[in-house]
Amino acid sequence: MRTLILALGNELMKDDGIGLKAGRILGEKGYNVLNVGTDIFRLSSHYNGEERLIIIDAILSEKFRPGEIIHLRGGEVFEKLKGEIRSAHFMGAIDGLRLLMAMDERLAKADIHFLGIVAKEIDLGTGLTEEVEKALPRVVELVEGLCKE
């Protein structure tokens, strides 16, 4: 199954850079990665009908500890990212994805996975907090496992 890994985030906002860092590592390993920063709409001009889409992004949550990894799949992505878990971006990546899916039938049929890493600090600065940095190898490992399914 062809897979596109969508790496989201802003490396100038501390833990919000986790998605981009994971995407860079996966890209160096030869995976099909699109680093979109905070602009999920870039997906529309780079999507080639891949059957699986794996999104990696920082999330905000008071329910989970910093560095925890939340894996959501399919419709669960849209349901669970409404309340207790929030995107770290102004217009949530998931809201943007829903709009893109409405415009592209192929994307609407894709097997969607969302790996959210709970951020400790989203503030001006570079580098990840210790808790989020420790999650990075596990994020890469989870994505590689999904790519082999």
Protein backbone atom coordinates (compact mmCIF):
# COMPACT_ATOMS: atom_id res chain seq x y z
CA MET A 1 0.00 0.00 0.00
CA ARG A 2 1.43 3.36 -1.01
CA THR A 3 1.88 5.63 1.99
CA LEU A 4 2.39 9.37 2.39
CA ILE A 5 3.72 10.63 5.70
CA LEU A 6 2.58 14.16 6.44
CA ALA A 7 4.87 15.96 8.89
CA LEU A 8 3.39 19.02 10.56
CA GLY A 9 4.77 21.63 12.94
CA ASN A 10 6.87 24.69 13.52
CA GLU A 11 10.46 24.19 14.68
CA LEU A 12 10.58 27.76 16.01
CA MET A 13 7.89 26.91 18.60
CA LYS A 14 9.74 24.32 20.73
CA ASP A 15 7.74 21.06 20.97
CA ASP A 16 5.65 21.97 17.93
CA GLY A 17 8.66 20.91 15.85
CA ILE A 18 8.33 17.19 16.72
CA GLY A 19 6.39 16.33 13.56
CA LEU A 20 8.98 17.94 11.30
CA LYS A 21 11.89 16.29 13.14
CA ALA A 22 10.26 12.87 12.83
CA GLY A 23 9.49 13.54 9.17
CA ARG A 24 13.10 14.49 8.47
CA ILE A 25 14.36 11.23 10.03
CA LEU A 26 11.83 9.16 8.08
CA GLY A 27 12.68 11.00 4.84
CA GLU A 28 16.37 10.22 5.34
CA LYS A 29 15.39 6.56 5.69
CA GLY A 30 13.70 6.68 2.29
CA TYR A 31 10.04 7.02 3.24
CA ASN A 32 7.65 9.20 1.25
CA VAL A 33 7.43 12.30 3.49
CA LEU A 34 5.85 15.67 2.88
CA ASN A 35 6.94 18.33 5.37
CA VAL A 36 4.20 20.95 5.28
CA GLY A 37 5.06 22.98 8.36
CA THR A 38 1.81 24.48 9.60
CA ASP A 39 0.13 24.57 6.16
CA ILE A 40 -1.76 21.30 5.69
CA PHE A 41 -3.24 22.74 2.50
CA ARG A 42 0.10 22.08 0.76
CA LEU A 43 -1.10 18.47 0.75
CA SER A 44 -3.54 19.27 -2.07
CA SER A 45 -0.75 19.99 -4.58
CA HIS A 46 1.43 17.02 -3.53
CA TYR A 47 -1.11 14.25 -2.95
CA ASN A 48 -0.79 11.50 -5.56
CA GLY A 49 -3.55 9.15 -4.49
CA GLU A 50 -1.59 7.27 -1.80
CA GLU A 51 -3.86 4.76 -0.07
CA ARG A 52 -2.49 5.48 3.41
CA LEU A 53 -1.86 8.86 5.01
CA ILE A 54 0.09 9.09 8.28
CA ILE A 55 0.01 12.49 9.97
CA ILE A 56 2.59 13.38 12.63
CA ASP A 57 1.98 16.47 14.74
CA ALA A 58 2.29 17.95 18.21
CA ILE A 59 -0.93 18.09 20.21
CA LEU A 60 -2.09 19.88 23.32
CA SER A 61 -3.80 17.91 26.06
CA GLU A 62 -4.43 18.22 29.77
CA LYS A 63 -5.51 14.57 29.88
CA PHE A 64 -2.19 13.06 28.73
CA ARG A 65 1.41 13.63 29.85
CA PRO A 66 4.00 15.48 27.74
CA GLY A 67 5.78 13.06 25.43
CA GLU A 68 2.88 10.59 25.26
CA ILE A 69 2.02 9.43 21.76
CA ILE A 70 -1.62 9.18 20.75
CA HIS A 71 -2.42 7.02 17.71
CA LEU A 72 -5.81 7.61 16.11
CA ARG A 73 -7.13 5.94 12.97
CA GLY A 74 -9.93 6.62 10.50
CA GLY A 75 -13.01 8.38 11.87
CA GLU A 76 -11.48 8.34 15.34
CA VAL A 77 -9.14 11.11 14.13
CA PHE A 78 -12.05 13.49 13.64
CA GLU A 79 -13.96 12.48 16.76
CA LYS A 80 -11.20 12.47 19.37
CA LEU A 81 -9.37 15.60 18.22
CA LYS A 82 -12.40 17.76 19.03
CA GLY A 83 -12.26 18.09 22.79
CA GLU A 84 -9.62 16.68 25.08
CA ILE A 85 -6.89 16.73 22.44
CA ARG A 86 -6.26 19.81 20.32
CA SER A 87 -3.99 20.60 17.44
CA ALA A 88 -1.24 23.04 18.31
CA HIS A 89 -2.18 25.18 15.28
CA PHE A 90 -4.74 27.98 14.90
CA MET A 91 -6.79 26.16 12.28
CA GLY A 92 -6.40 22.59 13.33
CA ALA A 93 -4.73 20.30 10.86
CA ILE A 94 -7.70 17.99 11.21
CA ASP A 95 -10.16 20.71 10.19
CA GLY A 96 -7.99 21.37 7.14
CA LEU A 97 -7.78 17.66 6.36
CA ARG A 98 -11.57 17.34 6.52
CA LEU A 99 -11.87 20.15 3.98
CA LEU A 100 -9.27 18.57 1.69
CA MET A 101 -11.06 15.21 1.89
CA ALA A 102 -14.29 16.89 0.81
CA MET A 103 -12.47 18.23 -2.27
CA ASP A 104 -10.55 15.05 -3.21
CA GLU A 105 -12.42 11.74 -3.36
CA ARG A 106 -9.16 9.75 -3.38
CA LEU A 107 -8.08 11.32 -0.10
CA ALA A 108 -11.50 10.64 1.42
CA LYS A 109 -10.92 6.90 0.78
CA ALA A 110 -7.40 6.81 2.24
CA ASP A 111 -6.53 4.90 5.41
CA ILE A 112 -5.84 7.84 7.75
CA HIS A 113 -3.58 7.59 10.79
CA PHE A 114 -2.75 10.41 13.17
CA LEU A 115 0.20 10.24 15.53
CA GLY A 116 -0.04 13.07 18.02
CA ILE A 117 2.77 13.75 20.45
CA VAL A 118 1.70 15.63 23.57
CA ALA A 119 3.67 18.85 23.81
CA LYS A 120 4.97 20.29 27.05
CA GLU A 121 5.90 23.73 25.69
CA ILE A 122 4.61 25.53 22.63
CA ASP A 123 6.41 28.84 22.85
CA LEU A 124 9.07 30.77 20.97
CA GLY A 125 12.31 28.84 20.91
CA THR A 126 14.06 26.01 19.18
CA GLY A 127 14.61 22.51 20.42
CA LEU A 128 12.27 20.01 22.03
CA THR A 129 11.68 19.57 25.73
CA GLU A 130 13.23 16.46 27.25
CA GLU A 131 9.91 14.58 27.43
CA VAL A 132 9.10 15.18 23.77
CA GLU A 133 12.67 14.50 22.58
CA LYS A 134 12.51 11.10 24.29
CA ALA A 135 9.35 10.27 22.30
CA LEU A 136 11.01 10.89 18.92
CA PRO A 137 12.53 7.39 18.40
CA ARG A 138 9.21 5.76 19.32
CA VAL A 139 7.31 7.98 16.86
CA VAL A 140 9.67 6.94 14.06
CA GLU A 141 9.31 3.28 15.07
CA LEU A 142 5.49 3.49 15.08
CA VAL A 143 5.40 5.09 11.64
CA GLU A 144 7.75 2.44 10.25
CA GLY A 145 5.48 -0.25 11.67
CA LEU A 146 2.42 1.33 10.05
CA CYS A 147 4.23 1.52 6.72
CA LYS A 148 4.87 -2.25 6.87
CA GLU A 149 1.21 -3.17 7.55
